[in-house]
PDB file of N, CA and C in Angstrom:
ATOM      1  N   UNK A   1      69.975  67.231 120.556  1.00  0.00           N
ATOM      2  CA  UNK A   1      70.969  66.286 120.066  1.00  0.00           C
ATOM      3  C   UNK A   1      70.259  65.090 119.410  1.00  0.00           C
ATOM      4  N   UNK A   2      70.815  64.705 118.272  1.00  0.00           N
ATOM      5  CA  UNK A   2      70.307  63.549 117.541  1.00  0.00           C
ATOM      6  C   UNK A   2      71.460  62.597 117.302  1.00  0.00           C
ATOM      7  N   UNK A   3      71.225  61.357 117.604  1.00  0.00           N
ATOM      8  CA  UNK A   3      72.243  60.307 117.324  1.00  0.00           C
ATOM      9  C   UNK A   3      71.622  59.277 116.397  1.00  0.00           C
ATOM     10  N   UNK A   4      72.340  58.979 115.362  1.00  0.00           N
ATOM     11  CA  UNK A   4      71.970  57.928 114.431  1.00  0.00           C
ATOM     12  C   UNK A   4      73.108  56.941 114.369  1.00  0.00           C
ATOM     13  N   UNK A   5      72.807  55.676 114.697  1.00  0.00           N
ATOM     14  CA  UNK A   5      73.844  54.668 114.757  1.00  0.00           C
ATOM     15  C   UNK A   5      73.487  53.541 113.801  1.00  0.00           C
ATOM     16  N   UNK A   6      74.323  53.385 112.765  1.00  0.00           N
ATOM     17  CA  UNK A   6      74.097  52.360 111.796  1.00  0.00           C
ATOM     18  C   UNK A   6      74.838  51.053 112.202  1.00  0.00           C
ATOM     19  N   UNK A   7      74.282  49.931 111.771  1.00  0.00           N
ATOM     20  CA  UNK A   7      74.936  48.649 111.975  1.00  0.00           C
ATOM     21  C   UNK A   7      74.514  47.718 110.852  1.00  0.00           C
ATOM     22  N   UNK A   8      75.273  46.615 110.740  1.00  0.00           N
ATOM     23  CA  UNK A   8      74.885  45.584 109.777  1.00  0.00           C
ATOM     24  C   UNK A   8      75.730  45.523 108.541  1.00  0.00           C
ATOM     25  N   UNK A   9      76.654  46.455 108.392  1.00  0.00           N
ATOM     26  CA  UNK A   9      77.516  46.396 107.220  1.00  0.00           C
ATOM     27  C   UNK A   9      78.507  45.242 107.295  1.00  0.00           C
ATOM     28  N   UNK A  10      79.202  45.027 106.208  1.00  0.00           N
ATOM     29  CA  UNK A  10      80.214  43.970 106.213  1.00  0.00           C
ATOM     30  C   UNK A  10      80.608  43.580 104.807  1.00  0.00           C
ATOM     31  N   UNK A  11      81.267  42.452 104.713  1.00  0.00           N
ATOM     32  CA  UNK A  11      81.754  41.919 103.441  1.00  0.00           C
ATOM     33  C   UNK A  11      80.840  40.790 103.029  1.00  0.00           C
ATOM     34  N   UNK A  12      80.378  40.856 101.777  1.00  0.00           N
ATOM     35  CA  UNK A  12      79.505  39.812 101.264  1.00  0.00           C
ATOM     36  C   UNK A  12      79.822  39.578  99.804  1.00  0.00           C
ATOM     37  N   UNK A  13      79.572  38.367  99.349  1.00  0.00           N
ATOM     38  CA  UNK A  13      79.819  38.043  97.953  1.00  0.00           C
ATOM     39  C   UNK A  13      78.672  38.547  97.092  1.00  0.00           C
ATOM     40  N   UNK A  14      78.966  38.786  95.848  1.00  0.00           N
ATOM     41  CA  UNK A  14      77.947  39.218  94.924  1.00  0.00           C
ATOM     42  C   UNK A  14      76.782  38.194  94.921  1.00  0.00           C
ATOM     43  N   UNK A  15      75.570  38.739  94.898  1.00  0.00           N
ATOM     44  CA  UNK A  15      74.418  37.865  94.972  1.00  0.00           C
ATOM     45  C   UNK A  15      73.901  37.652  96.398  1.00  0.00           C
ATOM     46  N   UNK A  16      74.691  38.062  97.381  1.00  0.00           N
ATOM     47  CA  UNK A  16      74.324  37.849  98.747  1.00  0.00           C
ATOM     48  C   UNK A  16      73.430  38.946  99.282  1.00  0.00           C
ATOM     49  N   UNK A  17      73.146  38.877 100.580  1.00  0.00           N
ATOM     50  CA  UNK A  17      72.245  39.826 101.232  1.00  0.00           C
ATOM     51  C   UNK A  17      72.837  40.366 102.509  1.00  0.00           C
ATOM     52  N   UNK A  18      72.417  41.563 102.859  1.00  0.00           N
ATOM     53  CA  UNK A  18      72.730  42.180 104.132  1.00  0.00           C
ATOM     54  C   UNK A  18      71.529  42.977 104.580  1.00  0.00           C
ATOM     55  N   UNK A  19      71.414  43.154 105.879  1.00  0.00           N
ATOM     56  CA  UNK A  19      70.357  44.003 106.439  1.00  0.00           C
ATOM     57  C   UNK A  19      71.008  45.056 107.326  1.00  0.00           C
ATOM     58  N   UNK A  20      70.812  46.315 106.930  1.00  0.00           N
ATOM     59  CA  UNK A  20      71.341  47.414 107.688  1.00  0.00           C
ATOM     60  C   UNK A  20      70.256  47.925 108.660  1.00  0.00           C
ATOM     61  N   UNK A  21      70.695  48.371 109.805  1.00  0.00           N
ATOM     62  CA  UNK A  21      69.817  48.983 110.787  1.00  0.00           C
ATOM     63  C   UNK A  21      70.349  50.345 111.189  1.00  0.00           C
ATOM     64  N   UNK A  22      69.424  51.225 111.510  1.00  0.00           N
ATOM     65  CA  UNK A  22      69.796  52.548 112.018  1.00  0.00           C
ATOM     66  C   UNK A  22      68.937  52.869 113.228  1.00  0.00           C
ATOM     67  N   UNK A  23      69.571  52.997 114.349  1.00  0.00           N
ATOM     68  CA  UNK A  23      68.837  53.357 115.572  1.00  0.00           C
ATOM     69  C   UNK A  23      68.991  54.820 115.831  1.00  0.00           C
ATOM     70  N   UNK A  24      67.871  55.504 115.911  1.00  0.00           N
ATOM     71  CA  UNK A  24      67.890  56.943 116.171  1.00  0.00           C
ATOM     72  C   UNK A  24      67.536  57.220 117.623  1.00  0.00           C
ATOM     73  N   UNK A  25      68.223  58.156 118.205  1.00  0.00           N
ATOM     74  CA  UNK A  25      67.914  58.521 119.591  1.00  0.00           C
ATOM     75  C   UNK A  25      68.146  60.008 119.788  1.00  0.00           C
ATOM     76  N   UNK A  26      67.706  60.487 120.918  1.00  0.00           N
ATOM     77  CA  UNK A  26      67.815  61.894 121.198  1.00  0.00           C
ATOM     78  C   UNK A  26      66.550  62.648 120.795  1.00  0.00           C
ATOM     79  N   UNK A  27      66.721  63.792 120.204  1.00  0.00           N
ATOM     80  CA  UNK A  27      65.588  64.661 119.867  1.00  0.00           C
ATOM     81  C   UNK A  27      64.952  64.254 118.551  1.00  0.00           C
ATOM     82  N   UNK A  28      64.321  63.094 118.568  1.00  0.00           N
ATOM     83  CA  UNK A  28      63.623  62.602 117.380  1.00  0.00           C
ATOM     84  C   UNK A  28      62.153  62.942 117.509  1.00  0.00           C
ATOM     85  N   UNK A  29      61.700  63.882 116.670  1.00  0.00           N
ATOM     86  CA  UNK A  29      60.302  64.248 116.697  1.00  0.00           C
ATOM     87  C   UNK A  29      59.933  64.870 115.359  1.00  0.00           C
ATOM     88  N   UNK A  30      58.657  64.991 115.097  1.00  0.00           N
ATOM     89  CA  UNK A  30      58.143  65.569 113.862  1.00  0.00           C
ATOM     90  C   UNK A  30      58.944  65.028 112.643  1.00  0.00           C
ATOM     91  N   UNK A  31      58.963  63.725 112.558  1.00  0.00           N
ATOM     92  CA  UNK A  31      59.750  63.081 111.503  1.00  0.00           C
ATOM     93  C   UNK A  31      59.101  63.346 110.133  1.00  0.00           C
ATOM     94  N   UNK A  32      59.914  63.857 109.222  1.00  0.00           N
ATOM     95  CA  UNK A  32      59.460  63.974 107.818  1.00  0.00           C
ATOM     96  C   UNK A  32      59.746  62.678 107.100  1.00  0.00           C
ATOM     97  N   UNK A  33      61.000  62.281 107.142  1.00  0.00           N
ATOM     98  CA  UNK A  33      61.360  60.996 106.594  1.00  0.00           C
ATOM     99  C   UNK A  33      62.709  60.544 107.157  1.00  0.00           C
ATOM    100  N   UNK A  34      62.968  59.271 106.952  1.00  0.00           N
ATOM    101  CA  UNK A  34      64.272  58.708 107.273  1.00  0.00           C
ATOM    102  C   UNK A  34      64.721  57.891 106.067  1.00  0.00           C
ATOM    103  N   UNK A  35      66.008  57.769 105.920  1.00  0.00           N
ATOM    104  CA  UNK A  35      66.468  57.090 104.731  1.00  0.00           C
ATOM    105  C   UNK A  35      67.892  56.655 104.786  1.00  0.00           C
ATOM    106  N   UNK A  36      68.327  56.086 103.677  1.00  0.00           N
ATOM    107  CA  UNK A  36      69.679  55.595 103.529  1.00  0.00           C
ATOM    108  C   UNK A  36      70.305  56.249 102.292  1.00  0.00           C
ATOM    109  N   UNK A  37      71.521  56.708 102.461  1.00  0.00           N
ATOM    110  CA  UNK A  37      72.327  57.236 101.389  1.00  0.00           C
ATOM    111  C   UNK A  37      73.628  56.407 101.374  1.00  0.00           C
ATOM    112  N   UNK A  38      74.343  56.522 100.262  1.00  0.00           N
ATOM    113  CA  UNK A  38      75.626  55.823 100.179  1.00  0.00           C
ATOM    114  C   UNK A  38      76.656  56.658  99.458  1.00  0.00           C
ATOM    115  N   UNK A  39      77.888  56.382  99.776  1.00  0.00           N
ATOM    116  CA  UNK A  39      78.974  57.083  99.116  1.00  0.00           C
ATOM    117  C   UNK A  39      80.086  56.095  98.796  1.00  0.00           C
ATOM    118  N   UNK A  40      80.319  55.895  97.523  1.00  0.00           N
ATOM    119  CA  UNK A  40      81.376  55.019  97.075  1.00  0.00           C
ATOM    120  C   UNK A  40      82.678  55.827  96.965  1.00  0.00           C
ATOM    121  N   UNK A  41      83.804  55.161  96.987  1.00  0.00           N
ATOM    122  CA  UNK A  41      85.093  55.872  96.901  1.00  0.00           C
ATOM    123  C   UNK A  41      85.151  56.765  95.648  1.00  0.00           C
ATOM    124  N   UNK A  42      85.486  58.003  95.834  1.00  0.00           N
ATOM    125  CA  UNK A  42      85.637  58.914  94.719  1.00  0.00           C
ATOM    126  C   UNK A  42      84.319  59.433  94.150  1.00  0.00           C
ATOM    127  N   UNK A  43      83.226  59.127  94.771  1.00  0.00           N
ATOM    128  CA  UNK A  43      81.920  59.552  94.267  1.00  0.00           C
ATOM    129  C   UNK A  43      81.176  60.358  95.323  1.00  0.00           C
ATOM    130  N   UNK A  44      80.172  61.064  94.829  1.00  0.00           N
ATOM    131  CA  UNK A  44      79.348  61.863  95.747  1.00  0.00           C
ATOM    132  C   UNK A  44      78.356  60.968  96.484  1.00  0.00           C
ATOM    133  N   UNK A  45      77.935  61.471  97.634  1.00  0.00           N
ATOM    134  CA  UNK A  45      76.914  60.764  98.381  1.00  0.00           C
ATOM    135  C   UNK A  45      75.605  60.785  97.585  1.00  0.00           C
ATOM    136  N   UNK A  46      74.904  59.670  97.519  1.00  0.00           N
ATOM    137  CA  UNK A  46      73.693  59.588  96.766  1.00  0.00           C
ATOM    138  C   UNK A  46      72.570  58.914  97.567  1.00  0.00           C
ATOM    139  N   UNK A  47      71.353  59.276  97.293  1.00  0.00           N
ATOM    140  CA  UNK A  47      70.233  58.657  98.004  1.00  0.00           C
ATOM    141  C   UNK A  47      70.029  57.208  97.520  1.00  0.00           C
ATOM    142  N   UNK A  48      69.711  56.338  98.420  1.00  0.00           N
ATOM    143  CA  UNK A  48      69.429  54.956  98.092  1.00  0.00           C
ATOM    144  C   UNK A  48      67.929  54.639  98.275  1.00  0.00           C
ATOM    145  N   UNK A  49      67.428  54.963  99.470  1.00  0.00           N
ATOM    146  CA  UNK A  49      66.020  54.675  99.758  1.00  0.00           C
ATOM    147  C   UNK A  49      65.590  55.597 100.870  1.00  0.00           C
ATOM    148  N   UNK A  50      64.357  56.068 100.763  1.00  0.00           N
ATOM    149  CA  UNK A  50      63.771  56.969 101.750  1.00  0.00           C
ATOM    150  C   UNK A  50      62.358  56.520 102.101  1.00  0.00           C
ATOM    151  N   UNK A  51      62.002  56.621 103.347  1.00  0.00           N
ATOM    152  CA  UNK A  51      60.652  56.307 103.775  1.00  0.00           C
ATOM    153  C   UNK A  51      60.101  57.451 104.587  1.00  0.00           C
ATOM    154  N   UNK A  52      58.909  57.885 104.229  1.00  0.00           N
ATOM    155  CA  UNK A  52      58.301  58.996 104.929  1.00  0.00           C
ATOM    156  C   UNK A  52      57.618  58.519 106.222  1.00  0.00           C
ATOM    157  N   UNK A  53      57.220  59.472 107.019  1.00  0.00           N
ATOM    158  CA  UNK A  53      56.515  59.113 108.252  1.00  0.00           C
ATOM    159  C   UNK A  53      55.176  58.443 107.970  1.00  0.00           C
ATOM    160  N   UNK A  54      54.672  58.682 106.764  1.00  0.00           N
ATOM    161  CA  UNK A  54      53.434  58.029 106.370  1.00  0.00           C
ATOM    162  C   UNK A  54      53.634  56.695 105.710  1.00  0.00           C
ATOM    163  N   UNK A  55      54.873  56.311 105.529  1.00  0.00           N
ATOM    164  CA  UNK A  55      55.158  55.003 104.935  1.00  0.00           C
ATOM    165  C   UNK A  55      55.445  54.986 103.472  1.00  0.00           C
ATOM    166  N   UNK A  56      55.387  56.118 102.806  1.00  0.00           N
ATOM    167  CA  UNK A  56      55.717  56.165 101.381  1.00  0.00           C
ATOM    168  C   UNK A  56      57.207  55.961 101.200  1.00  0.00           C
ATOM    169  N   UNK A  57      57.559  55.224 100.152  1.00  0.00           N
ATOM    170  CA  UNK A  57      58.960  54.912  99.910  1.00  0.00           C
ATOM    171  C   UNK A  57      59.417  55.379  98.541  1.00  0.00           C
ATOM    172  N   UNK A  58      60.690  55.702  98.443  1.00  0.00           N
ATOM    173  CA  UNK A  58      61.302  56.034  97.172  1.00  0.00           C
ATOM    174  C   UNK A  58      62.659  55.340  97.141  1.00  0.00           C
ATOM    175  N   UNK A  59      62.975  54.847  95.962  1.00  0.00           N
ATOM    176  CA  UNK A  59      64.229  54.121  95.792  1.00  0.00           C
ATOM    177  C   UNK A  59      65.003  54.654  94.605  1.00  0.00           C
ATOM    178  N   UNK A  60      66.307  54.591  94.697  1.00  0.00           N
ATOM    179  CA  UNK A  60      67.131  54.851  93.523  1.00  0.00           C
ATOM    180  C   UNK A  60      66.873  53.773  92.486  1.00  0.00           C
ATOM    181  N   UNK A  61      66.915  54.174  91.228  1.00  0.00           N
ATOM    182  CA  UNK A  61      66.639  53.205  90.172  1.00  0.00           C
ATOM    183  C   UNK A  61      67.563  52.004  90.226  1.00  0.00           C
ATOM    184  N   UNK A  62      68.796  52.242  90.650  1.00  0.00           N
ATOM    185  CA  UNK A  62      69.775  51.163  90.648  1.00  0.00           C
ATOM    186  C   UNK A  62      69.513  50.109  91.715  1.00  0.00           C
ATOM    187  N   UNK A  63      68.632  50.381  92.663  1.00  0.00           N
ATOM    188  CA  UNK A  63      68.374  49.377  93.718  1.00  0.00           C
ATOM    189  C   UNK A  63      66.948  48.898  93.725  1.00  0.00           C
ATOM    190  N   UNK A  64      66.111  49.445  92.849  1.00  0.00           N
ATOM    191  CA  UNK A  64      64.704  49.007  92.828  1.00  0.00           C
ATOM    192  C   UNK A  64      64.607  47.505  92.562  1.00  0.00           C
ATOM    193  N   UNK A  65      63.752  46.867  93.347  1.00  0.00           N
ATOM    194  CA  UNK A  65      63.551  45.445  93.212  1.00  0.00           C
ATOM    195  C   UNK A  65      64.573  44.590  93.967  1.00  0.00           C
ATOM    196  N   UNK A  66      65.607  45.264  94.496  1.00  0.00           N
ATOM    197  CA  UNK A  66      66.626  44.501  95.236  1.00  0.00           C
ATOM    198  C   UNK A  66      66.682  44.942  96.702  1.00  0.00           C
ATOM    199  N   UNK A  67      66.437  46.225  96.969  1.00  0.00           N
ATOM    200  CA  UNK A  67      66.539  46.755  98.313  1.00  0.00           C
ATOM    201  C   UNK A  67      65.128  47.097  98.804  1.00  0.00           C
ATOM    202  N   UNK A  68      64.935  46.944 100.125  1.00  0.00           N
ATOM    203  CA  UNK A  68      63.681  47.300 100.740  1.00  0.00           C
ATOM    204  C   UNK A  68      63.950  48.068 102.023  1.00  0.00           C
ATOM    205  N   UNK A  69      63.321  49.249 102.089  1.00  0.00           N
ATOM    206  CA  UNK A  69      63.450  50.053 103.289  1.00  0.00           C
ATOM    207  C   UNK A  69      62.213  49.848 104.148  1.00  0.00           C
ATOM    208  N   UNK A  70      62.413  49.803 105.444  1.00  0.00           N
ATOM    209  CA  UNK A  70      61.277  49.687 106.356  1.00  0.00           C
ATOM    210  C   UNK A  70      61.627  50.408 107.653  1.00  0.00           C
ATOM    211  N   UNK A  71      60.649  50.641 108.444  1.00  0.00           N
ATOM    212  CA  UNK A  71      60.904  51.387 109.655  1.00  0.00           C
ATOM    213  C   UNK A  71      59.969  50.940 110.779  1.00  0.00           C
ATOM    214  N   UNK A  72      60.458  51.122 111.975  1.00  0.00           N
ATOM    215  CA  UNK A  72      59.622  50.990 113.143  1.00  0.00           C
ATOM    216  C   UNK A  72      59.747  52.315 113.859  1.00  0.00           C
ATOM    217  N   UNK A  73      58.813  53.248 113.539  1.00  0.00           N
ATOM    218  CA  UNK A  73      58.956  54.579 114.083  1.00  0.00           C
ATOM    219  C   UNK A  73      58.723  54.603 115.616  1.00  0.00           C
ATOM    220  N   UNK A  74      58.022  53.582 116.100  1.00  0.00           N
ATOM    221  CA  UNK A  74      57.834  53.505 117.552  1.00  0.00           C
ATOM    222  C   UNK A  74      59.200  53.282 118.242  1.00  0.00           C
ATOM    223  N   UNK A  75      60.091  52.606 117.518  1.00  0.00           N
ATOM    224  CA  UNK A  75      61.436  52.364 118.054  1.00  0.00           C
ATOM    225  C   UNK A  75      62.463  53.304 117.442  1.00  0.00           C
ATOM    226  N   UNK A  76      62.018  54.220 116.591  1.00  0.00           N
ATOM    227  CA  UNK A  76      62.927  55.144 115.896  1.00  0.00           C
ATOM    228  C   UNK A  76      64.063  54.367 115.210  1.00  0.00           C
ATOM    229  N   UNK A  77      63.683  53.326 114.523  1.00  0.00           N
ATOM    230  CA  UNK A  77      64.656  52.489 113.840  1.00  0.00           C
ATOM    231  C   UNK A  77      64.244  52.319 112.384  1.00  0.00           C
ATOM    232  N   UNK A  78      65.215  52.424 111.506  1.00  0.00           N
ATOM    233  CA  UNK A  78      64.980  52.225 110.081  1.00  0.00           C
ATOM    234  C   UNK A  78      65.914  51.117 109.571  1.00  0.00           C
ATOM    235  N   UNK A  79      65.418  50.305 108.684  1.00  0.00           N
ATOM    236  CA  UNK A  79      66.164  49.157 108.167  1.00  0.00           C
ATOM    237  C   UNK A  79      66.326  49.274 106.640  1.00  0.00           C
ATOM    238  N   UNK A  80      67.340  48.604 106.157  1.00  0.00           N
ATOM    239  CA  UNK A  80      67.518  48.481 104.705  1.00  0.00           C
ATOM    240  C   UNK A  80      67.900  47.034 104.428  1.00  0.00           C
ATOM    241  N   UNK A  81      66.962  46.303 103.874  1.00  0.00           N
ATOM    242  CA  UNK A  81      67.234  44.939 103.435  1.00  0.00           C
ATOM    243  C   UNK A  81      67.791  44.984 102.011  1.00  0.00           C
ATOM    244  N   UNK A  82      68.975  44.474 101.862  1.00  0.00           N
ATOM    245  CA  UNK A  82      69.664  44.520 100.575  1.00  0.00           C
ATOM    246  C   UNK A  82      69.871  43.097 100.051  1.00  0.00           C
ATOM    247  N   UNK A  83      69.230  42.790  98.949  1.00  0.00           N
ATOM    248  CA  UNK A  83      69.360  41.472  98.347  1.00  0.00           C
ATOM    249  C   UNK A  83      70.022  41.616  96.981  1.00  0.00           C
ATOM    250  N   UNK A  84      70.473  40.472  96.476  1.00  0.00           N
ATOM    251  CA  UNK A  84      71.122  40.410  95.156  1.00  0.00           C
ATOM    252  C   UNK A  84      72.170  41.502  95.038  1.00  0.00           C
ATOM    253  N   UNK A  85      73.014  41.593  95.998  1.00  0.00           N
ATOM    254  CA  UNK A  85      74.021  42.624  96.022  1.00  0.00           C
ATOM    255  C   UNK A  85      75.013  42.516  94.882  1.00  0.00           C
ATOM    256  N   UNK A  86      75.444  43.641  94.395  1.00  0.00           N
ATOM    257  CA  UNK A  86      76.386  43.712  93.292  1.00  0.00           C
ATOM    258  C   UNK A  86      77.643  44.436  93.747  1.00  0.00           C
ATOM    259  N   UNK A  87      78.772  44.212  93.097  1.00  0.00           N
ATOM    260  CA  UNK A  87      80.001  44.920  93.461  1.00  0.00           C
ATOM    261  C   UNK A  87      79.823  46.450  93.446  1.00  0.00           C
ATOM    262  N   UNK A  88      78.980  46.948  92.555  1.00  0.00           N
ATOM    263  CA  UNK A  88      78.761  48.381  92.481  1.00  0.00           C
ATOM    264  C   UNK A  88      77.936  48.938  93.653  1.00  0.00           C
ATOM    265  N   UNK A  89      77.430  48.054  94.499  1.00  0.00           N
ATOM    266  CA  UNK A  89      76.754  48.535  95.705  1.00  0.00           C
ATOM    267  C   UNK A  89      77.755  48.812  96.839  1.00  0.00           C
ATOM    268  N   UNK A  90      79.019  48.491  96.593  1.00  0.00           N
ATOM    269  CA  UNK A  90      80.056  48.764  97.597  1.00  0.00           C
ATOM    270  C   UNK A  90      80.155  50.243  97.910  1.00  0.00           C
ATOM    271  N   UNK A  91      79.984  50.593  99.185  1.00  0.00           N
ATOM    272  CA  UNK A  91      79.969  51.978  99.612  1.00  0.00           C
ATOM    273  C   UNK A  91      79.844  52.047 101.106  1.00  0.00           C
ATOM    274  N   UNK A  92      80.040  53.229 101.627  1.00  0.00           N
ATOM    275  CA  UNK A  92      79.645  53.511 102.994  1.00  0.00           C
ATOM    276  C   UNK A  92      78.193  53.947 102.991  1.00  0.00           C
ATOM    277  N   UNK A  93      77.382  53.299 103.795  1.00  0.00           N
ATOM    278  CA  UNK A  93      75.965  53.593 103.832  1.00  0.00           C
ATOM    279  C   UNK A  93      75.660  54.434 105.063  1.00  0.00           C
ATOM    280  N   UNK A  94      74.954  55.531 104.837  1.00  0.00           N
ATOM    281  CA  UNK A  94      74.667  56.474 105.897  1.00  0.00           C
ATOM    282  C   UNK A  94      73.148  56.550 106.130  1.00  0.00           C
ATOM    283  N   UNK A  95      72.791  56.614 107.396  1.00  0.00           N
ATOM    284  CA  UNK A  95      71.419  56.825 107.785  1.00  0.00           C
ATOM    285  C   UNK A  95      71.153  58.352 107.819  1.00  0.00           C
ATOM    286  N   UNK A  96      69.960  58.716 107.443  1.00  0.00           N
ATOM    287  CA  UNK A  96      69.577  60.128 107.377  1.00  0.00           C
ATOM    288  C   UNK A  96      68.209  60.352 108.007  1.00  0.00           C
ATOM    289  N   UNK A  97      68.061  61.489 108.642  1.00  0.00           N
ATOM    290  CA  UNK A  97      66.808  61.847 109.297  1.00  0.00           C
ATOM    291  C   UNK A  97      66.507  63.306 109.029  1.00  0.00           C
ATOM    292  N   UNK A  98      65.272  63.559 108.660  1.00  0.00           N
ATOM    293  CA  UNK A  98      64.815  64.929 108.433  1.00  0.00           C
ATOM    294  C   UNK A  98      63.548  65.198 109.225  1.00  0.00           C
ATOM    295  N   UNK A  99      63.458  66.411 109.703  1.00  0.00           N
ATOM    296  CA  UNK A  99      62.238  66.837 110.419  1.00  0.00           C
ATOM    297  C   UNK A  99      61.358  67.649 109.481  1.00  0.00           C
ATOM    298  N   UNK A 100      60.090  67.670 109.769  1.00  0.00           N
ATOM    299  CA  UNK A 100      59.167  68.566 109.057  1.00  0.00           C
ATOM    300  C   UNK A 100      59.620  70.015 109.303  1.00  0.00           C
ATOM    301  N   UNK A 101      59.427  70.832 108.257  1.00  0.00           N
ATOM    302  CA  UNK A 101      59.661  72.295 108.355  1.00  0.00           C
ATOM    303  C   UNK A 101      61.083  72.621 108.742  1.00  0.00           C
ATOM    304  N   UNK A 102      62.018  71.783 108.401  1.00  0.00           N
ATOM    305  CA  UNK A 102      63.417  72.030 108.709  1.00  0.00           C
ATOM    306  C   UNK A 102      64.263  71.631 107.513  1.00  0.00           C
ATOM    307  N   UNK A 103      65.346  72.371 107.291  1.00  0.00           N
ATOM    308  CA  UNK A 103      66.275  72.023 106.214  1.00  0.00           C
ATOM    309  C   UNK A 103      67.485  71.253 106.739  1.00  0.00           C
ATOM    310  N   UNK A 104      67.494  70.958 108.036  1.00  0.00           N
ATOM    311  CA  UNK A 104      68.637  70.268 108.604  1.00  0.00           C
ATOM    312  C   UNK A 104      68.582  68.784 108.284  1.00  0.00           C
ATOM    313  N   UNK A 105      69.739  68.274 107.846  1.00  0.00           N
ATOM    314  CA  UNK A 105      69.915  66.833 107.659  1.00  0.00           C
ATOM    315  C   UNK A 105      70.748  66.281 108.777  1.00  0.00           C
ATOM    316  N   UNK A 106      70.250  65.244 109.403  1.00  0.00           N
ATOM    317  CA  UNK A 106      71.032  64.543 110.435  1.00  0.00           C
ATOM    318  C   UNK A 106      71.575  63.261 109.842  1.00  0.00           C
ATOM    319  N   UNK A 107      72.840  62.997 110.153  1.00  0.00           N
ATOM    320  CA  UNK A 107      73.542  61.834 109.577  1.00  0.00           C
ATOM    321  C   UNK A 107      74.167  60.966 110.629  1.00  0.00           C
ATOM    322  N   UNK A 108      74.192  59.656 110.352  1.00  0.00           N
ATOM    323  CA  UNK A 108      74.984  58.795 111.143  1.00  0.00           C
ATOM    324  C   UNK A 108      76.421  58.787 110.651  1.00  0.00           C
ATOM    325  N   UNK A 109      77.278  57.984 111.275  1.00  0.00           N
ATOM    326  CA  UNK A 109      78.700  57.937 110.892  1.00  0.00           C
ATOM    327  C   UNK A 109      78.933  56.986 109.728  1.00  0.00           C
ATOM    328  N   UNK A 110      77.966  56.158 109.439  1.00  0.00           N
ATOM    329  CA  UNK A 110      78.082  55.277 108.299  1.00  0.00           C
ATOM    330  C   UNK A 110      78.518  53.877 108.640  1.00  0.00           C
ATOM    331  N   UNK A 111      78.169  52.946 107.770  1.00  0.00           N
ATOM    332  CA  UNK A 111      78.596  51.554 107.899  1.00  0.00           C
ATOM    333  C   UNK A 111      79.023  51.064 106.521  1.00  0.00           C
ATOM    334  N   UNK A 112      80.171  50.405 106.479  1.00  0.00           N
ATOM    335  CA  UNK A 112      80.765  50.023 105.199  1.00  0.00           C
ATOM    336  C   UNK A 112      80.197  48.706 104.705  1.00  0.00           C
ATOM    337  N   UNK A 113      79.746  48.721 103.449  1.00  0.00           N
ATOM    338  CA  UNK A 113      79.291  47.515 102.789  1.00  0.00           C
ATOM    339  C   UNK A 113      80.259  47.253 101.634  1.00  0.00           C
ATOM    340  N   UNK A 114      80.811  46.041 101.619  1.00  0.00           N
ATOM    341  CA  UNK A 114      81.720  45.684 100.550  1.00  0.00           C
ATOM    342  C   UNK A 114      81.200  44.430  99.894  1.00  0.00           C
ATOM    343  N   UNK A 115      81.015  44.480  98.606  1.00  0.00           N
ATOM    344  CA  UNK A 115      80.494  43.341  97.842  1.00  0.00           C
ATOM    345  C   UNK A 115      81.591  42.866  96.922  1.00  0.00           C
ATOM    346  N   UNK A 116      82.010  41.638  97.125  1.00  0.00           N
ATOM    347  CA  UNK A 116      83.109  41.093  96.301  1.00  0.00           C
ATOM    348  C   UNK A 116      82.511  40.326  95.104  1.00  0.00           C
ATOM    349  N   UNK A 117      83.270  40.372  94.024  1.00  0.00           N
ATOM    350  CA  UNK A 117      82.805  39.691  92.786  1.00  0.00           C
ATOM    351  C   UNK A 117      83.240  38.239  92.746  1.00  0.00           C
TER     352      UNK A 117
END
């Protein structure tokens, strides 16, 4: 069993900041990477930022320079610092976890981020 619990979402004005957290528990081992995805109303879920177990990061072009992903693998926690938020960042943000040598994606239930103009 794997549990991913996101927190930190909310309502913020454009230009503001939020920090999301994802606490992972249960059968967390052989981590390939952890990351954040988002899904806006009427749109498909898309990757936002991913960090590998070795610390390599990848970001969606739309968030580069504004969002920063970090992790404390000792605590099985991943963070997403979001600065200079835009209304188009409004979405449900989901935490994701992948294991090495596995095609299974584990997901949290999501946390809503709303950016007002």
